[in-house]
């Protein structure tokens, strides 16, 4: 969670935003599946360091934006815009584990649309947004994520909360899915702490599978007819970047 606000220019209260997000994550049902890292007064070249050090699933930015892109701090105490194409190239090169970019700043919808092409999903605002509205959206969004909700439902729920408080259409952030992303099943929790999928009826055969993530230990699991459908399971594994070998086993127990 990165913020870049030039002190002499004034701007959103990013410290309060980070504190409230930290509080809701600490109180979340699946808090052990989330880890929050924050940084203030971020410059452009700091972003690469954070991507390499933490390999984040989510890159959250708070601050200002312009027609060129999000703005970060400059050495002279002001701020400078980042070219969106360059930021997208950086994420493609060094942020391959990023599944969501949240641009909690005014006028970032067009930036989010471009970044979604390389990250999976991105959230941005089509117009100006008030400080408290942006803080409330961020806190409620991560509250939903910590409760086990996927990105799509979490976004809709958090957007509904700020609309209840009077946010207009320009203040409602837009979720942009990438070409291969399904935000309704994309979870941001660590795989070891994912909630069990809801049962959706029986499947005719038992399906045994072996799945693994690059650079991690192998995972073994057996899916019986009382668990989720095979299609849903395949989609879940794909959303977590897991490769699976499937073996069909005849179910002789009816």
C-alpha atoms as a PDB file:
ATOM      1  CA  UNK A   1       0.000   0.000   0.000  1.00  0.00           C
ATOM      2  CA  UNK A   2       1.895   3.003  -1.331  1.00  0.00           C
ATOM      3  CA  UNK A   3       1.115   6.693  -0.909  1.00  0.00           C
ATOM      4  CA  UNK A   4       2.656   9.742  -2.523  1.00  0.00           C
ATOM      5  CA  UNK A   5       1.427  13.147  -1.413  1.00  0.00           C
ATOM      6  CA  UNK A   6       3.627  16.236  -1.724  1.00  0.00           C
ATOM      7  CA  UNK A   7       3.389  18.039   1.614  1.00  0.00           C
ATOM      8  CA  UNK A   8       3.553  21.523   0.127  1.00  0.00           C
ATOM      9  CA  UNK A   9       0.750  20.702  -2.326  1.00  0.00           C
ATOM     10  CA  UNK A  10      -1.594  19.150   0.216  1.00  0.00           C
ATOM     11  CA  UNK A  11      -3.849  16.229  -0.540  1.00  0.00           C
ATOM     12  CA  UNK A  12      -5.625  13.168   0.802  1.00  0.00           C
ATOM     13  CA  UNK A  13      -5.057  11.824   4.297  1.00  0.00           C
ATOM     14  CA  UNK A  14      -3.240   8.663   3.263  1.00  0.00           C
ATOM     15  CA  UNK A  15      -2.034   7.993   6.801  1.00  0.00           C
ATOM     16  CA  UNK A  16      -5.621   7.576   8.017  1.00  0.00           C
ATOM     17  CA  UNK A  17      -6.378   5.370   5.026  1.00  0.00           C
ATOM     18  CA  UNK A  18      -3.475   3.037   5.786  1.00  0.00           C
ATOM     19  CA  UNK A  19      -4.367   2.930   9.485  1.00  0.00           C
ATOM     20  CA  UNK A  20      -8.019   2.040   8.833  1.00  0.00           C
ATOM     21  CA  UNK A  21      -7.119  -0.654   6.307  1.00  0.00           C
ATOM     22  CA  UNK A  22      -4.636  -2.104   8.796  1.00  0.00           C
ATOM     23  CA  UNK A  23      -7.340  -2.170  11.486  1.00  0.00           C
ATOM     24  CA  UNK A  24      -9.918  -3.992   9.364  1.00  0.00           C
ATOM     25  CA  UNK A  25      -7.337  -6.552   8.237  1.00  0.00           C
ATOM     26  CA  UNK A  26      -6.267  -7.225  11.819  1.00  0.00           C
ATOM     27  CA  UNK A  27      -9.908  -7.821  12.767  1.00  0.00           C
ATOM     28  CA  UNK A  28     -10.792  -9.913   9.684  1.00  0.00           C
ATOM     29  CA  UNK A  29     -11.910 -13.521   9.849  1.00  0.00           C
ATOM     30  CA  UNK A  30      -9.111 -14.617   7.524  1.00  0.00           C
ATOM     31  CA  UNK A  31      -6.509 -12.113   8.755  1.00  0.00           C
ATOM     32  CA  UNK A  32      -3.800 -14.790   8.684  1.00  0.00           C
ATOM     33  CA  UNK A  33      -4.232 -14.955   4.919  1.00  0.00           C
ATOM     34  CA  UNK A  34      -3.306 -11.283   4.458  1.00  0.00           C
ATOM     35  CA  UNK A  35      -0.136  -9.297   5.059  1.00  0.00           C
ATOM     36  CA  UNK A  36      -0.115  -5.503   4.732  1.00  0.00           C
ATOM     37  CA  UNK A  37       3.025  -3.524   3.878  1.00  0.00           C
ATOM     38  CA  UNK A  38       2.804   0.269   3.729  1.00  0.00           C
ATOM     39  CA  UNK A  39       5.065   3.071   2.522  1.00  0.00           C
ATOM     40  CA  UNK A  40       4.684   6.855   2.517  1.00  0.00           C
ATOM     41  CA  UNK A  41       6.318   9.552   0.358  1.00  0.00           C
ATOM     42  CA  UNK A  42       6.906   7.119  -2.504  1.00  0.00           C
ATOM     43  CA  UNK A  43       8.988   8.069  -5.551  1.00  0.00           C
ATOM     44  CA  UNK A  44       8.802   6.365  -8.906  1.00  0.00           C
ATOM     45  CA  UNK A  45      11.917   4.235  -8.513  1.00  0.00           C
ATOM     46  CA  UNK A  46      10.711   3.039  -5.076  1.00  0.00           C
ATOM     47  CA  UNK A  47       7.969   0.992  -6.741  1.00  0.00           C
ATOM     48  CA  UNK A  48      10.413  -1.495  -8.245  1.00  0.00           C
ATOM     49  CA  UNK A  49      11.986  -2.074  -4.839  1.00  0.00           C
ATOM     50  CA  UNK A  50       8.623  -2.824  -3.239  1.00  0.00           C
ATOM     51  CA  UNK A  51       7.703  -5.225  -6.043  1.00  0.00           C
ATOM     52  CA  UNK A  52      10.980  -7.105  -5.635  1.00  0.00           C
ATOM     53  CA  UNK A  53      10.990  -7.123  -1.827  1.00  0.00           C
ATOM     54  CA  UNK A  54       7.392  -8.164  -1.166  1.00  0.00           C
ATOM     55  CA  UNK A  55       6.153  -9.769  -4.421  1.00  0.00           C
ATOM     56  CA  UNK A  56       2.674  -8.410  -3.668  1.00  0.00           C
ATOM     57  CA  UNK A  57      -0.654  -9.769  -4.831  1.00  0.00           C
ATOM     58  CA  UNK A  58      -2.172  -6.283  -4.589  1.00  0.00           C
ATOM     59  CA  UNK A  59      -0.576  -2.935  -5.412  1.00  0.00           C
ATOM     60  CA  UNK A  60      -2.613  -0.175  -3.753  1.00  0.00           C
ATOM     61  CA  UNK A  61      -1.819   3.471  -4.523  1.00  0.00           C
ATOM     62  CA  UNK A  62      -3.125   6.552  -2.689  1.00  0.00           C
ATOM     63  CA  UNK A  63      -2.457  10.121  -3.723  1.00  0.00           C
ATOM     64  CA  UNK A  64      -3.007  12.221  -6.849  1.00  0.00           C
ATOM     65  CA  UNK A  65      -3.246  11.493 -10.552  1.00  0.00           C
ATOM     66  CA  UNK A  66      -3.234  13.518 -13.750  1.00  0.00           C
ATOM     67  CA  UNK A  67      -4.000  12.973 -17.431  1.00  0.00           C
ATOM     68  CA  UNK A  68      -0.604  11.302 -17.787  1.00  0.00           C
ATOM     69  CA  UNK A  69      -0.796   8.905 -14.850  1.00  0.00           C
ATOM     70  CA  UNK A  70      -0.487   8.612 -11.080  1.00  0.00           C
ATOM     71  CA  UNK A  71       1.731  11.206  -9.423  1.00  0.00           C
ATOM     72  CA  UNK A  72       4.644  10.389  -7.113  1.00  0.00           C
ATOM     73  CA  UNK A  73       7.051  12.513  -5.118  1.00  0.00           C
ATOM     74  CA  UNK A  74       9.864  14.431  -6.791  1.00  0.00           C
ATOM     75  CA  UNK A  75      13.242  15.329  -5.201  1.00  0.00           C
ATOM     76  CA  UNK A  76      12.278  19.014  -5.000  1.00  0.00           C
ATOM     77  CA  UNK A  77       9.317  18.291  -2.699  1.00  0.00           C
ATOM     78  CA  UNK A  78       6.714  18.468  -5.441  1.00  0.00           C
ATOM     79  CA  UNK A  79       5.317  15.606  -7.456  1.00  0.00           C
ATOM     80  CA  UNK A  80       5.642  14.230 -10.981  1.00  0.00           C
ATOM     81  CA  UNK A  81       3.355  12.015 -13.089  1.00  0.00           C
ATOM     82  CA  UNK A  82       4.292   8.485 -14.024  1.00  0.00           C
ATOM     83  CA  UNK A  83       3.640   7.484 -17.633  1.00  0.00           C
ATOM     84  CA  UNK A  84       1.032   4.728 -17.468  1.00  0.00           C
ATOM     85  CA  UNK A  85       2.664   2.705 -20.250  1.00  0.00           C
ATOM     86  CA  UNK A  86       5.914   2.662 -18.270  1.00  0.00           C
ATOM     87  CA  UNK A  87       4.151   1.578 -15.076  1.00  0.00           C
ATOM     88  CA  UNK A  88       2.413  -1.201 -17.000  1.00  0.00           C
ATOM     89  CA  UNK A  89       5.764  -2.344 -18.402  1.00  0.00           C
ATOM     90  CA  UNK A  90       7.238  -2.335 -14.888  1.00  0.00           C
ATOM     91  CA  UNK A  91       4.394  -4.489 -13.543  1.00  0.00           C
ATOM     92  CA  UNK A  92       4.745  -6.890 -16.456  1.00  0.00           C
ATOM     93  CA  UNK A  93       8.484  -7.224 -15.840  1.00  0.00           C
ATOM     94  CA  UNK A  94       8.719  -7.252 -12.033  1.00  0.00           C
ATOM     95  CA  UNK A  95       5.167  -7.566 -10.721  1.00  0.00           C
ATOM     96  CA  UNK A  96       4.092 -10.894 -12.149  1.00  0.00           C
ATOM     97  CA  UNK A  97       2.377 -11.892  -8.884  1.00  0.00           C
ATOM     98  CA  UNK A  98       0.219  -8.752  -8.807  1.00  0.00           C
ATOM     99  CA  UNK A  99      -3.412  -9.720  -9.374  1.00  0.00           C
ATOM    100  CA  UNK A 100      -5.029  -6.402  -8.522  1.00  0.00           C
ATOM    101  CA  UNK A 101      -4.060  -2.724  -8.704  1.00  0.00           C
ATOM    102  CA  UNK A 102      -6.150  -0.295  -6.636  1.00  0.00           C
ATOM    103  CA  UNK A 103      -5.748   3.373  -7.604  1.00  0.00           C
ATOM    104  CA  UNK A 104      -7.474   5.193  -4.743  1.00  0.00           C
ATOM    105  CA  UNK A 105      -7.186   8.624  -6.353  1.00  0.00           C
ATOM    106  CA  UNK A 106      -9.289  10.966  -8.499  1.00  0.00           C
ATOM    107  CA  UNK A 107      -9.526  10.400 -12.238  1.00  0.00           C
ATOM    108  CA  UNK A 108      -7.734   7.061 -12.352  1.00  0.00           C
ATOM    109  CA  UNK A 109     -10.318   5.012 -14.255  1.00  0.00           C
ATOM    110  CA  UNK A 110      -8.459   5.224 -17.586  1.00  0.00           C
ATOM    111  CA  UNK A 111      -5.183   4.276 -15.869  1.00  0.00           C
ATOM    112  CA  UNK A 112      -6.820   1.270 -14.210  1.00  0.00           C
ATOM    113  CA  UNK A 113      -8.214   0.136 -17.547  1.00  0.00           C
ATOM    114  CA  UNK A 114      -4.731   0.058 -19.063  1.00  0.00           C
ATOM    115  CA  UNK A 115      -3.055  -1.604 -16.061  1.00  0.00           C
ATOM    116  CA  UNK A 116      -5.691  -4.351 -15.963  1.00  0.00           C
ATOM    117  CA  UNK A 117      -4.255  -5.677 -19.214  1.00  0.00           C
ATOM    118  CA  UNK A 118      -1.083  -6.789 -17.399  1.00  0.00           C
ATOM    119  CA  UNK A 119      -2.197  -7.397 -13.797  1.00  0.00           C
ATOM    120  CA  UNK A 120      -5.507  -9.223 -14.027  1.00  0.00           C
ATOM    121  CA  UNK A 121      -7.768  -6.575 -12.441  1.00  0.00           C
ATOM    122  CA  UNK A 122      -7.544  -2.896 -11.550  1.00  0.00           C
ATOM    123  CA  UNK A 123      -9.780  -0.389  -9.775  1.00  0.00           C
ATOM    124  CA  UNK A 124      -9.914   3.350 -10.495  1.00  0.00           C
ATOM    125  CA  UNK A 125     -12.233   6.353 -10.113  1.00  0.00           C
ATOM    126  CA  UNK A 126     -13.891   7.994 -13.137  1.00  0.00           C
ATOM    127  CA  UNK A 127     -14.079  11.436 -11.492  1.00  0.00           C
ATOM    128  CA  UNK A 128     -13.150  13.372  -8.397  1.00  0.00           C
ATOM    129  CA  UNK A 129     -13.604  11.601  -5.075  1.00  0.00           C
ATOM    130  CA  UNK A 130     -13.703  13.017  -1.574  1.00  0.00           C
ATOM    131  CA  UNK A 131     -11.049  12.035   0.938  1.00  0.00           C
ATOM    132  CA  UNK A 132     -13.450  10.340   3.359  1.00  0.00           C
ATOM    133  CA  UNK A 133     -15.225   8.496   0.542  1.00  0.00           C
ATOM    134  CA  UNK A 134     -11.939   7.052  -0.734  1.00  0.00           C
ATOM    135  CA  UNK A 135     -10.889   6.014   2.780  1.00  0.00           C
ATOM    136  CA  UNK A 136     -14.255   4.367   3.430  1.00  0.00           C
ATOM    137  CA  UNK A 137     -14.146   2.446   0.158  1.00  0.00           C
ATOM    138  CA  UNK A 138     -10.642   1.139   0.859  1.00  0.00           C
ATOM    139  CA  UNK A 139     -11.478   0.031   4.402  1.00  0.00           C
ATOM    140  CA  UNK A 140     -14.725  -1.683   3.375  1.00  0.00           C
ATOM    141  CA  UNK A 141     -13.132  -3.361   0.355  1.00  0.00           C
ATOM    142  CA  UNK A 142     -10.380  -4.978   2.418  1.00  0.00           C
ATOM    143  CA  UNK A 143     -12.894  -5.840   5.151  1.00  0.00           C
ATOM    144  CA  UNK A 144     -14.734  -7.911   2.541  1.00  0.00           C
ATOM    145  CA  UNK A 145     -11.507  -9.468   1.241  1.00  0.00           C
ATOM    146  CA  UNK A 146     -10.557 -10.445   4.791  1.00  0.00           C
ATOM    147  CA  UNK A 147     -13.968 -12.059   5.224  1.00  0.00           C
ATOM    148  CA  UNK A 148     -13.203 -14.381   2.305  1.00  0.00           C
ATOM    149  CA  UNK A 149     -15.004 -12.552  -0.508  1.00  0.00           C
ATOM    150  CA  UNK A 150     -13.608 -12.546  -4.047  1.00  0.00           C
ATOM    151  CA  UNK A 151     -12.542  -9.284  -5.696  1.00  0.00           C
ATOM    152  CA  UNK A 152     -15.778  -8.739  -7.655  1.00  0.00           C
ATOM    153  CA  UNK A 153     -18.229  -9.125  -4.741  1.00  0.00           C
ATOM    154  CA  UNK A 154     -15.886  -7.203  -2.410  1.00  0.00           C
ATOM    155  CA  UNK A 155     -15.777  -4.292  -4.870  1.00  0.00           C
ATOM    156  CA  UNK A 156     -19.559  -4.251  -5.264  1.00  0.00           C
ATOM    157  CA  UNK A 157     -20.157  -4.360  -1.506  1.00  0.00           C
ATOM    158  CA  UNK A 158     -17.658  -1.570  -0.750  1.00  0.00           C
ATOM    159  CA  UNK A 159     -19.097   0.548  -3.582  1.00  0.00           C
ATOM    160  CA  UNK A 160     -22.590   0.031  -2.150  1.00  0.00           C
ATOM    161  CA  UNK A 161     -21.424   1.316   1.246  1.00  0.00           C
ATOM    162  CA  UNK A 162     -20.078   4.614  -0.125  1.00  0.00           C
ATOM    163  CA  UNK A 163     -23.181   5.001  -2.312  1.00  0.00           C
ATOM    164  CA  UNK A 164     -25.291   4.678   0.845  1.00  0.00           C
ATOM    165  CA  UNK A 165     -23.382   7.663   2.200  1.00  0.00           C
ATOM    166  CA  UNK A 166     -24.226   9.701  -0.895  1.00  0.00           C
ATOM    167  CA  UNK A 167     -21.351   9.090  -3.315  1.00  0.00           C
ATOM    168  CA  UNK A 168     -22.262  10.022  -6.882  1.00  0.00           C
ATOM    169  CA  UNK A 169     -21.467   8.037 -10.032  1.00  0.00           C
ATOM    170  CA  UNK A 170     -18.116   9.810 -10.518  1.00  0.00           C
ATOM    171  CA  UNK A 171     -17.105   8.843  -6.980  1.00  0.00           C
ATOM    172  CA  UNK A 172     -17.861   5.145  -7.441  1.00  0.00           C
ATOM    173  CA  UNK A 173     -14.667   3.266  -8.395  1.00  0.00           C
ATOM    174  CA  UNK A 174     -14.807   1.019 -11.446  1.00  0.00           C
ATOM    175  CA  UNK A 175     -13.396  -2.511 -11.478  1.00  0.00           C
ATOM    176  CA  UNK A 176     -11.668  -3.434 -14.743  1.00  0.00           C
ATOM    177  CA  UNK A 177     -10.962  -7.148 -15.292  1.00  0.00           C
ATOM    178  CA  UNK A 178      -8.090  -8.148 -17.540  1.00  0.00           C
ATOM    179  CA  UNK A 179      -8.472 -10.410 -20.582  1.00  0.00           C
ATOM    180  CA  UNK A 180      -8.131 -13.670 -18.626  1.00  0.00           C
ATOM    181  CA  UNK A 181      -9.423 -12.579 -15.204  1.00  0.00           C
ATOM    182  CA  UNK A 182     -12.702 -13.479 -13.520  1.00  0.00           C
ATOM    183  CA  UNK A 183     -13.053 -11.126 -10.533  1.00  0.00           C
ATOM    184  CA  UNK A 184     -16.005 -13.087  -9.162  1.00  0.00           C
ATOM    185  CA  UNK A 185     -13.724 -16.011  -8.269  1.00  0.00           C
ATOM    186  CA  UNK A 186     -10.411 -14.168  -7.817  1.00  0.00           C
ATOM    187  CA  UNK A 187      -9.402 -14.341  -4.145  1.00  0.00           C
ATOM    188  CA  UNK A 188      -6.623 -12.222  -2.656  1.00  0.00           C
ATOM    189  CA  UNK A 189      -6.075 -14.448   0.370  1.00  0.00           C
ATOM    190  CA  UNK A 190      -2.982 -16.621   0.671  1.00  0.00           C
ATOM    191  CA  UNK A 191      -3.902 -20.089  -0.709  1.00  0.00           C
ATOM    192  CA  UNK A 192      -3.195 -21.750   2.638  1.00  0.00           C
ATOM    193  CA  UNK A 193      -5.968 -19.681   4.248  1.00  0.00           C
ATOM    194  CA  UNK A 194      -8.682 -19.763   1.595  1.00  0.00           C
ATOM    195  CA  UNK A 195     -12.185 -20.553   2.892  1.00  0.00           C
ATOM    196  CA  UNK A 196     -13.681 -23.834   1.652  1.00  0.00           C
ATOM    197  CA  UNK A 197     -15.734 -23.431  -1.546  1.00  0.00           C
ATOM    198  CA  UNK A 198     -19.523 -23.774  -1.162  1.00  0.00           C
ATOM    199  CA  UNK A 199     -21.043 -27.147  -2.046  1.00  0.00           C
ATOM    200  CA  UNK A 200     -22.841 -27.122  -5.393  1.00  0.00           C
ATOM    201  CA  UNK A 201     -24.207 -30.648  -5.626  1.00  0.00           C
ATOM    202  CA  UNK A 202     -22.699 -34.005  -6.496  1.00  0.00           C
ATOM    203  CA  UNK A 203     -20.527 -34.892  -9.475  1.00  0.00           C
ATOM    204  CA  UNK A 204     -20.754 -38.349 -11.055  1.00  0.00           C
ATOM    205  CA  UNK A 205     -17.141 -39.422 -10.527  1.00  0.00           C
ATOM    206  CA  UNK A 206     -14.535 -38.740  -7.882  1.00  0.00           C
ATOM    207  CA  UNK A 207     -11.754 -36.518  -9.216  1.00  0.00           C
ATOM    208  CA  UNK A 208      -8.248 -36.861  -7.812  1.00  0.00           C
ATOM    209  CA  UNK A 209      -5.734 -34.152  -8.687  1.00  0.00           C
ATOM    210  CA  UNK A 210      -2.212 -33.024  -7.993  1.00  0.00           C
ATOM    211  CA  UNK A 211      -1.607 -29.271  -8.122  1.00  0.00           C
ATOM    212  CA  UNK A 212       1.503 -27.237  -7.581  1.00  0.00           C
ATOM    213  CA  UNK A 213       2.693 -23.645  -7.585  1.00  0.00           C
ATOM    214  CA  UNK A 214       6.032 -22.647  -9.024  1.00  0.00           C
ATOM    215  CA  UNK A 215       8.648 -22.424  -6.286  1.00  0.00           C
ATOM    216  CA  UNK A 216       6.469 -23.974  -3.587  1.00  0.00           C
ATOM    217  CA  UNK A 217       5.842 -27.456  -2.277  1.00  0.00           C
ATOM    218  CA  UNK A 218       3.342 -29.694  -3.995  1.00  0.00           C
ATOM    219  CA  UNK A 219      -0.283 -29.863  -2.882  1.00  0.00           C
ATOM    220  CA  UNK A 220      -2.312 -33.082  -2.927  1.00  0.00           C
ATOM    221  CA  UNK A 221      -6.074 -33.188  -2.626  1.00  0.00           C
ATOM    222  CA  UNK A 222      -8.997 -35.522  -3.296  1.00  0.00           C
ATOM    223  CA  UNK A 223     -12.299 -34.067  -4.407  1.00  0.00           C
ATOM    224  CA  UNK A 224     -15.332 -36.205  -3.661  1.00  0.00           C
ATOM    225  CA  UNK A 225     -18.842 -35.973  -5.019  1.00  0.00           C
ATOM    226  CA  UNK A 226     -19.982 -33.929  -2.038  1.00  0.00           C
ATOM    227  CA  UNK A 227     -17.705 -30.985  -2.761  1.00  0.00           C
ATOM    228  CA  UNK A 228     -17.799 -28.280  -5.391  1.00  0.00           C
ATOM    229  CA  UNK A 229     -18.145 -28.912  -9.115  1.00  0.00           C
ATOM    230  CA  UNK A 230     -15.088 -29.758 -11.202  1.00  0.00           C
ATOM    231  CA  UNK A 231     -15.582 -26.628 -13.338  1.00  0.00           C
ATOM    232  CA  UNK A 232     -15.557 -24.358 -10.297  1.00  0.00           C
ATOM    233  CA  UNK A 233     -12.481 -26.099  -8.924  1.00  0.00           C
ATOM    234  CA  UNK A 234     -10.591 -25.731 -12.196  1.00  0.00           C
ATOM    235  CA  UNK A 235     -11.442 -22.017 -12.247  1.00  0.00           C
ATOM    236  CA  UNK A 236     -10.268 -21.617  -8.648  1.00  0.00           C
ATOM    237  CA  UNK A 237      -6.926 -23.285  -9.408  1.00  0.00           C
ATOM    238  CA  UNK A 238      -6.437 -21.174 -12.518  1.00  0.00           C
ATOM    239  CA  UNK A 239      -7.083 -17.978 -10.544  1.00  0.00           C
ATOM    240  CA  UNK A 240      -4.294 -18.994  -8.129  1.00  0.00           C
ATOM    241  CA  UNK A 241      -1.792 -19.720 -10.923  1.00  0.00           C
ATOM    242  CA  UNK A 242      -1.751 -23.432 -10.065  1.00  0.00           C
ATOM    243  CA  UNK A 243      -1.055 -26.142 -12.597  1.00  0.00           C
ATOM    244  CA  UNK A 244      -3.024 -29.340 -12.069  1.00  0.00           C
ATOM    245  CA  UNK A 245      -2.821 -32.937 -13.251  1.00  0.00           C
ATOM    246  CA  UNK A 246      -6.246 -34.561 -13.214  1.00  0.00           C
ATOM    247  CA  UNK A 247      -7.059 -38.260 -12.831  1.00  0.00           C
ATOM    248  CA  UNK A 248     -10.657 -39.510 -13.123  1.00  0.00           C
ATOM    249  CA  UNK A 249     -11.517 -42.335 -10.731  1.00  0.00           C
ATOM    250  CA  UNK A 250     -14.731 -44.316 -11.180  1.00  0.00           C
ATOM    251  CA  UNK A 251     -17.041 -43.976  -8.238  1.00  0.00           C
ATOM    252  CA  UNK A 252     -18.379 -47.459  -7.443  1.00  0.00           C
ATOM    253  CA  UNK A 253     -20.245 -46.372  -4.365  1.00  0.00           C
ATOM    254  CA  UNK A 254     -23.042 -44.649  -6.252  1.00  0.00           C
END
